[in-house]
Amino acid sequence: MGKGELRVAGVWGRAGGVVRGTLIASAIALVAGLGIGFAAGEPVRADDVVPARKLPADLCERLGDISAMLPENASPVFAQTGTGEVRCRALAEESSQKTYTAAAVSVRITPYGGKIAGEGEPPFRPDQVARKAFDREKGALVRDRPYPTRIDRQGRTGGEDWKISVVVLRDDLVVQVDYEAHPVTREKAEGAALVLADRAIWEAK
């Protein structure tokens, strides 16, 4: 038992009914994560809302080697855009290749901030806002993953032309990887997209 607990226990033994009632009310408010102002219906101020975190300026570079996802003679380097929401993109167009092959890889990393809720309610936390965004994404939920994951698969000509979209949620972050390539099997495209999404989650944490 820590100092705070000992003190509460001591006060509890000496306090009258009014003090005990105050302690109970304070404990409930603390556990529920509510400030007294919110409970009383006072307006939420802008500084009560947690802002979105800032992502590393070199986040796309941190994602590492993506050469295995592109044709052999393509440049395995991401171009990065955005500051709040970061986008990484690499492209190998068919017209630039000697053989019938092409690929496009894009990664979108979005850190969510909190949002104002209803009147008299505490603001939504960043992880709650991120969860709502994740739940709106299309794709089937994937089992046995370390983080909530959705996958959408679009197969095209001959079973070797695929667009795989992977969306992963971790706390206040949502990462989406879109991978289009041919020729490639669905299993290889899907596996590569999942690995890249996990890498983005790790580097953005």
N, C-alpha and C. Protein backbone atom coordinates (compact mmCIF):
# COMPACT_ATOMS: atom_id res chain seq x y z
N MET A 1 0.85 -1.19 0.00
CA MET A 1 0.00 0.00 0.00
C MET A 1 0.88 1.24 0.00
N GLY A 2 0.65 2.20 -0.95
CA GLY A 2 1.48 3.38 -1.06
C GLY A 2 1.04 4.46 -0.10
N LYS A 3 1.76 5.60 -0.12
CA LYS A 3 1.46 6.69 0.79
C LYS A 3 0.03 7.21 0.59
N GLY A 4 -0.36 7.32 -0.73
CA GLY A 4 -1.69 7.83 -1.01
C GLY A 4 -2.77 6.95 -0.42
N GLU A 5 -2.56 5.61 -0.52
CA GLU A 5 -3.56 4.68 -0.01
C GLU A 5 -3.62 4.73 1.51
N LEU A 6 -2.45 4.84 2.15
CA LEU A 6 -2.41 4.91 3.61
C LEU A 6 -3.14 6.15 4.09
N ARG A 7 -2.94 7.23 3.40
CA ARG A 7 -3.55 8.49 3.81
C ARG A 7 -5.07 8.42 3.67
N VAL A 8 -5.52 7.86 2.54
CA VAL A 8 -6.96 7.72 2.35
C VAL A 8 -7.56 6.83 3.42
N ALA A 9 -6.84 5.73 3.74
CA ALA A 9 -7.35 4.82 4.76
C ALA A 9 -7.44 5.52 6.11
N GLY A 10 -6.43 6.36 6.44
CA GLY A 10 -6.44 7.07 7.71
C GLY A 10 -7.58 8.07 7.78
N VAL A 11 -7.77 8.80 6.70
CA VAL A 11 -8.86 9.77 6.66
C VAL A 11 -10.20 9.07 6.78
N TRP A 12 -10.30 7.92 6.09
CA TRP A 12 -11.55 7.17 6.10
C TRP A 12 -11.94 6.79 7.52
N GLY A 13 -10.95 6.45 8.34
CA GLY A 13 -11.25 6.04 9.71
C GLY A 13 -11.72 7.20 10.57
N ARG A 14 -11.26 8.43 10.27
CA ARG A 14 -11.60 9.57 11.12
C ARG A 14 -12.73 10.41 10.57
N ALA A 15 -12.99 10.29 9.26
CA ALA A 15 -13.91 11.23 8.62
C ALA A 15 -15.35 10.94 8.95
N GLY A 16 -16.15 11.99 8.89
CA GLY A 16 -17.58 11.82 9.06
C GLY A 16 -18.24 11.48 7.75
N GLY A 17 -19.57 11.45 7.75
CA GLY A 17 -20.30 11.05 6.55
C GLY A 17 -20.07 11.97 5.37
N VAL A 18 -19.94 13.28 5.63
CA VAL A 18 -19.75 14.24 4.53
C VAL A 18 -18.43 14.01 3.84
N VAL A 19 -17.36 13.81 4.64
CA VAL A 19 -16.04 13.58 4.06
C VAL A 19 -16.02 12.27 3.30
N ARG A 20 -16.64 11.24 3.86
CA ARG A 20 -16.67 9.94 3.17
C ARG A 20 -17.39 10.08 1.83
N GLY A 21 -18.48 10.81 1.82
CA GLY A 21 -19.22 10.99 0.57
C GLY A 21 -18.40 11.72 -0.47
N THR A 22 -17.63 12.73 -0.02
CA THR A 22 -16.77 13.48 -0.94
C THR A 22 -15.69 12.59 -1.52
N LEU A 23 -15.09 11.74 -0.69
CA LEU A 23 -14.04 10.83 -1.16
C LEU A 23 -14.59 9.85 -2.18
N ILE A 24 -15.78 9.32 -1.92
CA ILE A 24 -16.39 8.37 -2.86
C ILE A 24 -16.64 9.04 -4.20
N ALA A 25 -17.22 10.24 -4.17
CA ALA A 25 -17.50 10.96 -5.42
C ALA A 25 -16.22 11.25 -6.18
N SER A 26 -15.16 11.65 -5.47
CA SER A 26 -13.88 11.95 -6.12
C SER A 26 -13.29 10.70 -6.74
N ALA A 27 -13.38 9.57 -6.03
CA ALA A 27 -12.83 8.32 -6.55
C ALA A 27 -13.55 7.88 -7.81
N ILE A 28 -14.89 8.02 -7.82
CA ILE A 28 -15.66 7.63 -9.00
C ILE A 28 -15.28 8.50 -10.19
N ALA A 29 -15.15 9.80 -9.97
CA ALA A 29 -14.77 10.71 -11.05
C ALA A 29 -13.40 10.37 -11.59
N LEU A 30 -12.47 9.99 -10.70
CA LEU A 30 -11.11 9.66 -11.13
C LEU A 30 -11.10 8.40 -11.97
N VAL A 31 -11.80 7.36 -11.51
CA VAL A 31 -11.82 6.09 -12.24
C VAL A 31 -12.47 6.27 -13.60
N ALA A 32 -13.51 7.06 -13.67
CA ALA A 32 -14.22 7.27 -14.94
C ALA A 32 -13.47 8.20 -15.87
N GLY A 33 -12.41 8.84 -15.38
CA GLY A 33 -11.65 9.75 -16.22
C GLY A 33 -12.37 11.06 -16.47
N LEU A 34 -13.26 11.46 -15.58
CA LEU A 34 -14.04 12.67 -15.78
C LEU A 34 -13.53 13.78 -14.88
N GLY A 35 -13.40 14.97 -15.45
CA GLY A 35 -13.10 16.13 -14.62
C GLY A 35 -14.40 16.66 -14.04
N ILE A 36 -14.30 17.38 -12.94
CA ILE A 36 -15.50 17.93 -12.32
C ILE A 36 -16.23 18.86 -13.28
N GLY A 37 -15.47 19.61 -14.08
CA GLY A 37 -16.08 20.52 -15.04
C GLY A 37 -16.94 19.79 -16.05
N PHE A 38 -16.45 18.64 -16.55
CA PHE A 38 -17.22 17.87 -17.51
C PHE A 38 -18.50 17.34 -16.86
N ALA A 39 -18.37 16.81 -15.65
CA ALA A 39 -19.52 16.23 -14.97
C ALA A 39 -20.59 17.28 -14.71
N ALA A 40 -20.17 18.52 -14.47
CA ALA A 40 -21.11 19.58 -14.18
C ALA A 40 -21.69 20.21 -15.43
N GLY A 41 -21.25 19.76 -16.59
CA GLY A 41 -21.78 20.28 -17.84
C GLY A 41 -21.13 21.55 -18.31
N GLU A 42 -19.97 21.88 -17.77
CA GLU A 42 -19.28 23.08 -18.22
C GLU A 42 -18.72 22.85 -19.62
N PRO A 43 -18.62 23.90 -20.45
CA PRO A 43 -18.12 23.73 -21.82
C PRO A 43 -16.68 23.25 -21.85
N VAL A 44 -16.37 22.42 -22.83
CA VAL A 44 -15.01 21.91 -23.01
C VAL A 44 -14.19 22.96 -23.75
N ARG A 45 -13.01 23.22 -23.25
CA ARG A 45 -12.12 24.18 -23.89
C ARG A 45 -11.23 23.47 -24.90
N ALA A 46 -10.66 24.26 -25.81
CA ALA A 46 -9.81 23.67 -26.85
C ALA A 46 -8.62 22.92 -26.25
N ASP A 47 -8.08 23.45 -25.15
CA ASP A 47 -6.91 22.79 -24.57
C ASP A 47 -7.26 21.55 -23.76
N ASP A 48 -8.56 21.24 -23.66
CA ASP A 48 -8.97 19.98 -23.03
C ASP A 48 -8.85 18.81 -24.01
N VAL A 49 -8.78 19.12 -25.30
CA VAL A 49 -8.74 18.09 -26.34
C VAL A 49 -7.28 17.77 -26.67
N VAL A 50 -6.93 16.50 -26.60
CA VAL A 50 -5.54 16.08 -26.86
C VAL A 50 -5.25 16.20 -28.36
N PRO A 51 -4.22 16.94 -28.77
CA PRO A 51 -3.90 17.07 -30.19
C PRO A 51 -3.25 15.80 -30.74
N ALA A 52 -3.27 15.68 -32.07
CA ALA A 52 -2.60 14.55 -32.71
C ALA A 52 -1.09 14.68 -32.53
N ARG A 53 -0.45 13.57 -32.40
CA ARG A 53 1.01 13.59 -32.24
C ARG A 53 1.70 13.96 -33.56
N LYS A 54 2.93 14.38 -33.47
CA LYS A 54 3.72 14.69 -34.66
C LYS A 54 4.53 13.46 -35.05
N LEU A 55 4.57 13.19 -36.34
CA LEU A 55 5.30 12.04 -36.85
C LEU A 55 6.72 12.45 -37.24
N PRO A 56 7.65 11.49 -37.26
CA PRO A 56 9.03 11.80 -37.65
C PRO A 56 9.11 12.36 -39.08
N ALA A 57 9.98 13.32 -39.28
CA ALA A 57 10.13 13.94 -40.60
C ALA A 57 10.68 12.97 -41.63
N ASP A 58 11.40 11.94 -41.17
CA ASP A 58 11.99 10.96 -42.08
C ASP A 58 11.28 9.61 -42.00
N LEU A 59 9.98 9.64 -41.72
CA LEU A 59 9.25 8.40 -41.47
C LEU A 59 9.30 7.44 -42.66
N CYS A 60 9.10 7.94 -43.87
CA CYS A 60 9.12 7.06 -45.04
C CYS A 60 10.49 6.40 -45.22
N GLU A 61 11.53 7.17 -44.97
CA GLU A 61 12.89 6.62 -45.07
C GLU A 61 13.09 5.51 -44.04
N ARG A 62 12.49 5.66 -42.89
CA ARG A 62 12.63 4.66 -41.82
C ARG A 62 11.97 3.33 -42.16
N LEU A 63 11.08 3.33 -43.13
CA LEU A 63 10.38 2.09 -43.47
C LEU A 63 11.30 1.07 -44.12
N GLY A 64 12.48 1.51 -44.53
CA GLY A 64 13.49 0.56 -44.99
C GLY A 64 13.38 0.13 -46.43
N ASP A 65 13.97 -1.00 -46.72
CA ASP A 65 14.11 -1.51 -48.09
C ASP A 65 12.79 -2.09 -48.58
N ILE A 66 12.29 -1.56 -49.69
CA ILE A 66 11.06 -2.08 -50.29
C ILE A 66 11.32 -2.67 -51.67
N SER A 67 12.59 -2.96 -51.97
CA SER A 67 12.95 -3.45 -53.30
C SER A 67 12.24 -4.75 -53.65
N ALA A 68 11.93 -5.58 -52.66
CA ALA A 68 11.27 -6.86 -52.93
C ALA A 68 9.84 -6.67 -53.43
N MET A 69 9.27 -5.48 -53.24
CA MET A 69 7.90 -5.22 -53.67
C MET A 69 7.84 -4.59 -55.06
N LEU A 70 9.01 -4.30 -55.65
CA LEU A 70 9.07 -3.61 -56.93
C LEU A 70 9.87 -4.43 -57.93
N PRO A 71 9.70 -4.15 -59.25
CA PRO A 71 10.53 -4.81 -60.26
C PRO A 71 12.01 -4.56 -60.01
N GLU A 72 12.85 -5.42 -60.57
CA GLU A 72 14.28 -5.41 -60.27
C GLU A 72 14.96 -4.08 -60.56
N ASN A 73 14.61 -3.43 -61.65
CA ASN A 73 15.32 -2.20 -62.03
C ASN A 73 14.61 -0.93 -61.57
N ALA A 74 13.63 -1.06 -60.69
CA ALA A 74 12.92 0.12 -60.17
C ALA A 74 13.67 0.70 -58.98
N SER A 75 13.47 1.98 -58.74
CA SER A 75 14.12 2.64 -57.60
C SER A 75 13.32 2.37 -56.33
N PRO A 76 13.92 1.65 -55.36
CA PRO A 76 13.18 1.29 -54.14
C PRO A 76 13.21 2.39 -53.09
N VAL A 77 12.79 3.59 -53.49
CA VAL A 77 12.84 4.74 -52.58
C VAL A 77 11.45 5.37 -52.51
N PHE A 78 10.99 5.61 -51.31
CA PHE A 78 9.71 6.26 -51.11
C PHE A 78 9.84 7.77 -51.27
N ALA A 79 8.83 8.38 -51.88
CA ALA A 79 8.68 9.83 -51.86
C ALA A 79 7.71 10.16 -50.73
N GLN A 80 8.08 11.09 -49.86
CA GLN A 80 7.24 11.41 -48.70
C GLN A 80 6.56 12.75 -48.89
N THR A 81 5.27 12.79 -48.55
CA THR A 81 4.51 14.04 -48.54
C THR A 81 3.71 14.11 -47.24
N GLY A 82 3.36 15.32 -46.86
CA GLY A 82 2.54 15.52 -45.68
C GLY A 82 3.36 15.68 -44.41
N THR A 83 2.73 16.31 -43.42
CA THR A 83 3.37 16.51 -42.13
C THR A 83 2.53 15.92 -41.01
N GLY A 84 1.24 16.32 -40.95
CA GLY A 84 0.36 15.73 -39.94
C GLY A 84 0.08 14.28 -40.29
N GLU A 85 -0.51 14.08 -41.46
CA GLU A 85 -0.69 12.74 -42.02
C GLU A 85 0.41 12.53 -43.06
N VAL A 86 1.19 11.48 -42.89
CA VAL A 86 2.32 11.24 -43.78
C VAL A 86 1.93 10.21 -44.84
N ARG A 87 2.33 10.49 -46.08
CA ARG A 87 2.12 9.55 -47.19
C ARG A 87 3.46 9.21 -47.82
N CYS A 88 3.66 7.93 -48.06
CA CYS A 88 4.87 7.43 -48.72
C CYS A 88 4.44 6.71 -49.99
N ARG A 89 5.15 6.96 -51.09
CA ARG A 89 4.74 6.33 -52.36
C ARG A 89 5.96 5.97 -53.20
N ALA A 90 5.89 4.80 -53.80
CA ALA A 90 6.91 4.35 -54.76
C ALA A 90 6.18 3.73 -55.94
N LEU A 91 6.66 4.01 -57.14
CA LEU A 91 5.94 3.59 -58.35
C LEU A 91 6.91 3.07 -59.39
N ALA A 92 6.54 1.95 -60.01
CA ALA A 92 7.28 1.42 -61.16
C ALA A 92 6.26 1.14 -62.26
N GLU A 93 6.15 2.06 -63.20
CA GLU A 93 5.15 1.93 -64.26
C GLU A 93 5.58 0.89 -65.29
N GLU A 94 4.59 0.26 -65.89
CA GLU A 94 4.87 -0.79 -66.87
C GLU A 94 5.67 -0.24 -68.06
N SER A 95 5.39 1.00 -68.44
CA SER A 95 6.08 1.58 -69.60
C SER A 95 7.57 1.75 -69.38
N SER A 96 8.00 1.76 -68.12
CA SER A 96 9.42 1.94 -67.81
C SER A 96 10.15 0.61 -67.62
N GLN A 97 9.43 -0.50 -67.77
CA GLN A 97 10.02 -1.81 -67.54
C GLN A 97 10.27 -2.56 -68.85
N LYS A 98 11.27 -3.42 -68.84
CA LYS A 98 11.60 -4.21 -70.03
C LYS A 98 10.65 -5.39 -70.19
N THR A 99 10.06 -5.81 -69.11
CA THR A 99 9.12 -6.93 -69.15
C THR A 99 7.75 -6.46 -68.69
N TYR A 100 6.76 -7.34 -68.86
CA TYR A 100 5.38 -7.02 -68.49
C TYR A 100 5.25 -7.06 -66.97
N THR A 101 5.64 -5.99 -66.35
CA THR A 101 5.59 -5.94 -64.90
C THR A 101 5.41 -4.50 -64.44
N ALA A 102 4.75 -4.33 -63.31
CA ALA A 102 4.51 -3.00 -62.76
C ALA A 102 4.14 -3.15 -61.29
N ALA A 103 4.35 -2.08 -60.54
CA ALA A 103 3.99 -2.11 -59.12
C ALA A 103 3.85 -0.69 -58.60
N ALA A 104 2.98 -0.53 -57.62
CA ALA A 104 2.81 0.74 -56.93
C ALA A 104 2.59 0.43 -55.45
N VAL A 105 3.34 1.13 -54.62
CA VAL A 105 3.24 0.94 -53.17
C VAL A 105 2.96 2.30 -52.54
N SER A 106 1.92 2.37 -51.74
CA SER A 106 1.65 3.61 -51.02
C SER A 106 1.31 3.29 -49.57
N VAL A 107 1.79 4.14 -48.69
CA VAL A 107 1.56 3.98 -47.25
C VAL A 107 1.03 5.31 -46.72
N ARG A 108 -0.04 5.24 -45.97
CA ARG A 108 -0.60 6.44 -45.34
C ARG A 108 -0.61 6.22 -43.83
N ILE A 109 0.06 7.09 -43.09
CA ILE A 109 0.14 6.98 -41.63
C ILE A 109 -0.58 8.18 -41.03
N THR A 110 -1.64 7.92 -40.29
CA THR A 110 -2.46 8.99 -39.73
C THR A 110 -2.50 8.92 -38.22
N PRO A 111 -1.95 9.93 -37.54
CA PRO A 111 -2.10 10.02 -36.09
C PRO A 111 -3.35 10.85 -35.77
N TYR A 112 -4.21 10.33 -34.94
CA TYR A 112 -5.45 11.04 -34.63
C TYR A 112 -5.34 11.78 -33.30
N GLY A 113 -5.97 12.94 -33.26
CA GLY A 113 -6.10 13.67 -32.01
C GLY A 113 -7.48 13.46 -31.44
N GLY A 114 -7.71 14.00 -30.25
CA GLY A 114 -9.03 13.89 -29.64
C GLY A 114 -10.04 14.78 -30.35
N LYS A 115 -11.31 14.60 -29.98
CA LYS A 115 -12.39 15.42 -30.54
C LYS A 115 -13.38 15.77 -29.44
N ILE A 116 -14.02 16.91 -29.62
CA ILE A 116 -15.05 17.31 -28.66
C ILE A 116 -16.25 16.38 -28.81
N ALA A 117 -16.79 15.94 -27.69
CA ALA A 117 -17.95 15.05 -27.69
C ALA A 117 -19.21 15.88 -27.46
N GLY A 118 -20.25 15.26 -26.91
CA GLY A 118 -21.50 15.97 -26.66
C GLY A 118 -21.39 16.93 -25.49
N GLU A 119 -22.40 17.75 -25.32
CA GLU A 119 -22.40 18.75 -24.26
C GLU A 119 -22.30 18.08 -22.89
N GLY A 120 -21.38 18.58 -22.08
CA GLY A 120 -21.20 18.02 -20.75
C GLY A 120 -20.44 16.72 -20.71
N GLU A 121 -19.93 16.28 -21.86
CA GLU A 121 -19.19 15.02 -21.93
C GLU A 121 -17.70 15.30 -22.10
N PRO A 122 -16.85 14.42 -21.59
CA PRO A 122 -15.41 14.60 -21.81
C PRO A 122 -15.07 14.40 -23.28
N PRO A 123 -14.01 15.00 -23.78
CA PRO A 123 -13.63 14.83 -25.18
C PRO A 123 -13.30 13.37 -25.48
N PHE A 124 -13.48 12.99 -26.74
CA PHE A 124 -13.03 11.67 -27.17
C PHE A 124 -11.50 11.65 -27.14
N ARG A 125 -10.95 10.56 -26.67
CA ARG A 125 -9.50 10.38 -26.66
C ARG A 125 -9.00 10.09 -28.07
N PRO A 126 -7.72 10.35 -28.35
CA PRO A 126 -7.17 10.04 -29.68
C PRO A 126 -7.39 8.59 -30.10
N ASP A 127 -7.22 7.63 -29.17
CA ASP A 127 -7.39 6.23 -29.55
C ASP A 127 -8.84 5.91 -29.88
N GLN A 128 -9.79 6.61 -29.26
CA GLN A 128 -11.20 6.40 -29.59
C GLN A 128 -11.51 6.93 -30.98
N VAL A 129 -10.95 8.08 -31.32
CA VAL A 129 -11.16 8.66 -32.65
C VAL A 129 -10.54 7.76 -33.72
N ALA A 130 -9.33 7.25 -33.44
CA ALA A 130 -8.66 6.35 -34.39
C ALA A 130 -9.48 5.07 -34.59
N ARG A 131 -10.05 4.56 -33.52
CA ARG A 131 -10.86 3.33 -33.62
C ARG A 131 -12.07 3.55 -34.51
N LYS A 132 -12.72 4.69 -34.37
CA LYS A 132 -13.87 5.00 -35.21
C LYS A 132 -13.46 5.06 -36.69
N ALA A 133 -12.30 5.67 -36.96
CA ALA A 133 -11.81 5.75 -38.34
C ALA A 133 -11.50 4.36 -38.88
N PHE A 134 -10.87 3.52 -38.07
CA PHE A 134 -10.56 2.15 -38.49
C PHE A 134 -11.83 1.37 -38.79
N ASP A 135 -12.84 1.52 -37.96
CA ASP A 135 -14.08 0.78 -38.14
C ASP A 135 -14.82 1.18 -39.41
N ARG A 136 -14.55 2.37 -39.92
CA ARG A 136 -15.20 2.82 -41.16
C ARG A 136 -14.52 2.27 -42.41
N GLU A 137 -13.32 1.74 -42.28
CA GLU A 137 -12.58 1.23 -43.44
C GLU A 137 -13.19 -0.07 -43.95
N LYS A 138 -13.05 -0.28 -45.25
CA LYS A 138 -13.56 -1.52 -45.83
C LYS A 138 -12.53 -2.63 -45.64
N GLY A 139 -12.96 -3.85 -45.90
CA GLY A 139 -12.06 -4.98 -45.77
C GLY A 139 -12.46 -5.90 -44.64
N ALA A 140 -12.07 -7.16 -44.77
CA ALA A 140 -12.39 -8.17 -43.76
C ALA A 140 -11.41 -8.08 -42.60
N LEU A 141 -11.91 -8.30 -41.40
CA LEU A 141 -11.05 -8.34 -40.23
C LEU A 141 -10.18 -9.60 -40.27
N VAL A 142 -8.93 -9.47 -39.87
CA VAL A 142 -7.98 -10.58 -39.92
C VAL A 142 -7.73 -11.09 -38.51
N ARG A 143 -7.80 -12.37 -38.34
CA ARG A 143 -7.56 -12.97 -37.03
C ARG A 143 -6.06 -13.17 -36.77
N ASP A 144 -5.75 -13.38 -35.50
CA ASP A 144 -4.39 -13.74 -35.08
C ASP A 144 -3.35 -12.70 -35.50
N ARG A 145 -3.71 -11.45 -35.34
CA ARG A 145 -2.78 -10.36 -35.63
C ARG A 145 -2.50 -9.60 -34.33
N PRO A 146 -1.30 -9.02 -34.18
CA PRO A 146 -0.99 -8.29 -32.94
C PRO A 146 -1.84 -7.04 -32.75
N TYR A 147 -2.31 -6.46 -33.86
CA TYR A 147 -3.15 -5.27 -33.80
C TYR A 147 -4.37 -5.47 -34.71
N PRO A 148 -5.48 -4.78 -34.44
CA PRO A 148 -6.65 -4.89 -35.32
C PRO A 148 -6.27 -4.59 -36.76
N THR A 149 -6.68 -5.47 -37.67
CA THR A 149 -6.25 -5.38 -39.07
C THR A 149 -7.42 -5.71 -40.00
N ARG A 150 -7.52 -4.95 -41.08
CA ARG A 150 -8.48 -5.24 -42.15
C ARG A 150 -7.72 -5.43 -43.46
N ILE A 151 -8.21 -6.33 -44.30
CA ILE A 151 -7.61 -6.54 -45.62
C ILE A 151 -8.71 -6.55 -46.67
N ASP A 152 -8.47 -5.80 -47.74
CA ASP A 152 -9.35 -5.81 -48.91
C ASP A 152 -8.53 -6.30 -50.10
N ARG A 153 -9.05 -7.29 -50.81
CA ARG A 153 -8.32 -7.91 -51.92
C ARG A 153 -9.09 -7.72 -53.22
N GLN A 154 -8.40 -7.27 -54.26
CA GLN A 154 -9.00 -7.14 -55.58
C GLN A 154 -8.11 -7.84 -56.60
N GLY A 155 -8.59 -8.99 -57.07
CA GLY A 155 -7.84 -9.74 -58.07
C GLY A 155 -8.27 -9.37 -59.47
N ARG A 156 -7.29 -9.34 -60.37
CA ARG A 156 -7.61 -8.99 -61.75
C ARG A 156 -7.10 -10.07 -62.70
N THR A 157 -6.69 -9.71 -63.87
CA THR A 157 -6.39 -10.65 -64.95
C THR A 157 -5.52 -11.82 -64.54
N GLY A 158 -6.02 -13.03 -64.79
CA GLY A 158 -5.22 -14.25 -64.66
C GLY A 158 -4.78 -14.63 -63.27
N GLY A 159 -5.27 -13.98 -62.24
CA GLY A 159 -4.89 -14.34 -60.88
C GLY A 159 -3.50 -13.91 -60.48
N GLU A 160 -2.82 -13.12 -61.33
CA GLU A 160 -1.47 -12.63 -60.99
C GLU A 160 -1.39 -11.11 -61.05
N ASP A 161 -2.54 -10.47 -60.94
CA ASP A 161 -2.62 -9.02 -60.95
C ASP A 161 -3.50 -8.63 -59.76
N TRP A 162 -2.87 -8.06 -58.72
CA TRP A 162 -3.58 -7.85 -57.47
C TRP A 162 -3.42 -6.44 -56.93
N LYS A 163 -4.50 -5.99 -56.29
CA LYS A 163 -4.43 -4.79 -55.46
C LYS A 163 -4.83 -5.22 -54.05
N ILE A 164 -3.91 -5.03 -53.12
CA ILE A 164 -4.14 -5.41 -51.72
C ILE A 164 -4.12 -4.14 -50.88
N SER A 165 -5.16 -3.96 -50.08
CA SER A 165 -5.22 -2.83 -49.15
C SER A 165 -5.27 -3.37 -47.73
N VAL A 166 -4.33 -2.92 -46.92
CA VAL A 166 -4.23 -3.35 -45.52
C VAL A 166 -4.39 -2.12 -44.63
N VAL A 167 -5.23 -2.23 -43.62
CA VAL A 167 -5.41 -1.14 -42.65
C VAL A 167 -5.15 -1.71 -41.26
N VAL A 168 -4.27 -1.05 -40.51
CA VAL A 168 -3.88 -1.53 -39.18
C VAL A 168 -4.09 -0.40 -38.17
N LEU A 169 -4.62 -0.76 -37.01
CA LEU A 169 -4.85 0.19 -35.93
C LEU A 169 -3.94 -0.12 -34.75
N ARG A 170 -3.30 0.92 -34.22
CA ARG A 170 -2.58 0.78 -32.96
C ARG A 170 -2.73 2.07 -32.17
N ASP A 171 -3.46 2.00 -31.08
CA ASP A 171 -3.70 3.16 -30.22
C ASP A 171 -4.27 4.31 -31.05
N ASP A 172 -3.53 5.42 -31.18
CA ASP A 172 -4.03 6.59 -31.90
C ASP A 172 -3.61 6.62 -33.36
N LEU A 173 -3.00 5.54 -33.85
CA LEU A 173 -2.49 5.50 -35.22
C LEU A 173 -3.31 4.57 -36.10
N VAL A 174 -3.54 5.01 -37.34
CA VAL A 174 -4.10 4.13 -38.37
C VAL A 174 -3.14 4.15 -39.55
N VAL A 175 -2.71 2.98 -39.97
CA VAL A 175 -1.80 2.85 -41.11
C VAL A 175 -2.53 2.11 -42.23
N GLN A 176 -2.47 2.66 -43.43
CA GLN A 176 -3.04 1.98 -44.59
C GLN A 176 -1.95 1.77 -45.64
N VAL A 177 -1.82 0.54 -46.10
CA VAL A 177 -0.89 0.19 -47.17
C VAL A 177 -1.69 -0.29 -48.36
N ASP A 178 -1.46 0.31 -49.52
CA ASP A 178 -2.06 -0.13 -50.79
C ASP A 178 -0.93 -0.63 -51.68
N TYR A 179 -1.06 -1.86 -52.12
CA TYR A 179 -0.02 -2.47 -52.95
C TYR A 179 -0.67 -3.06 -54.19
N GLU A 180 -0.28 -2.53 -55.35
CA GLU A 180 -0.74 -3.04 -56.65
C GLU A 180 0.46 -3.56 -57.41
N ALA A 181 0.35 -4.77 -57.96
CA ALA A 181 1.49 -5.33 -58.70
C ALA A 181 1.03 -6.44 -59.64
N HIS A 182 1.80 -6.61 -60.70
CA HIS A 182 1.66 -7.78 -61.57
C HIS A 182 3.02 -8.03 -62.24
N PRO A 183 3.38 -9.28 -62.49
CA PRO A 183 2.70 -10.48 -61.99
C PRO A 183 3.10 -10.77 -60.54
N VAL A 184 2.15 -11.17 -59.73
CA VAL A 184 2.41 -11.51 -58.34
C VAL A 184 1.26 -12.37 -57.84
N THR A 185 1.55 -13.28 -56.94
CA THR A 185 0.48 -14.08 -56.35
C THR A 185 -0.19 -13.29 -55.23
N ARG A 186 -1.40 -13.66 -54.93
CA ARG A 186 -2.12 -12.97 -53.86
C ARG A 186 -1.40 -13.12 -52.53
N GLU A 187 -0.90 -14.32 -52.26
CA GLU A 187 -0.25 -14.58 -50.97
C GLU A 187 0.99 -13.70 -50.78
N LYS A 188 1.80 -13.58 -51.84
CA LYS A 188 3.01 -12.77 -51.72
C LYS A 188 2.68 -11.28 -51.57
N ALA A 189 1.70 -10.81 -52.34
CA ALA A 189 1.32 -9.40 -52.25
C ALA A 189 0.75 -9.08 -50.88
N GLU A 190 -0.08 -9.97 -50.38
CA GLU A 190 -0.70 -9.76 -49.07
C GLU A 190 0.35 -9.79 -47.96
N GLY A 191 1.25 -10.75 -48.02
CA GLY A 191 2.29 -10.85 -47.00
C GLY A 191 3.18 -9.63 -46.97
N ALA A 192 3.56 -9.14 -48.16
CA ALA A 192 4.42 -7.96 -48.23
C ALA A 192 3.72 -6.72 -47.67
N ALA A 193 2.43 -6.56 -47.98
CA ALA A 193 1.68 -5.41 -47.49
C ALA A 193 1.53 -5.44 -45.97
N LEU A 194 1.32 -6.61 -45.41
CA LEU A 194 1.20 -6.74 -43.96
C LEU A 194 2.51 -6.40 -43.25
N VAL A 195 3.61 -6.90 -43.79
CA VAL A 195 4.92 -6.61 -43.20
C VAL A 195 5.20 -5.11 -43.23
N LEU A 196 4.89 -4.47 -44.35
CA LEU A 196 5.13 -3.03 -44.46
C LEU A 196 4.25 -2.24 -43.50
N ALA A 197 3.00 -2.65 -43.34
CA ALA A 197 2.10 -1.97 -42.41
C ALA A 197 2.61 -2.07 -40.98
N ASP A 198 3.07 -3.25 -40.60
CA ASP A 198 3.61 -3.44 -39.25
C ASP A 198 4.87 -2.60 -39.03
N ARG A 199 5.68 -2.50 -40.08
CA ARG A 199 6.90 -1.69 -39.98
C ARG A 199 6.55 -0.21 -39.78
N ALA A 200 5.52 0.24 -40.50
CA ALA A 200 5.08 1.64 -40.37
C ALA A 200 4.54 1.92 -38.97
N ILE A 201 3.77 0.98 -38.44
CA ILE A 201 3.25 1.12 -37.07
C ILE A 201 4.41 1.25 -36.08
N TRP A 202 5.41 0.41 -36.25
CA TRP A 202 6.55 0.40 -35.34
C TRP A 202 7.34 1.70 -35.42
N GLU A 203 7.63 2.15 -36.63
CA GLU A 203 8.46 3.35 -36.80
C GLU A 203 7.73 4.63 -36.41
N ALA A 204 6.40 4.61 -36.44
CA ALA A 204 5.63 5.81 -36.12
C ALA A 204 5.27 5.91 -34.65
N LYS A 205 5.58 4.89 -33.87
CA LYS A 205 5.14 4.86 -32.47
C LYS A 205 5.84 5.94 -31.62
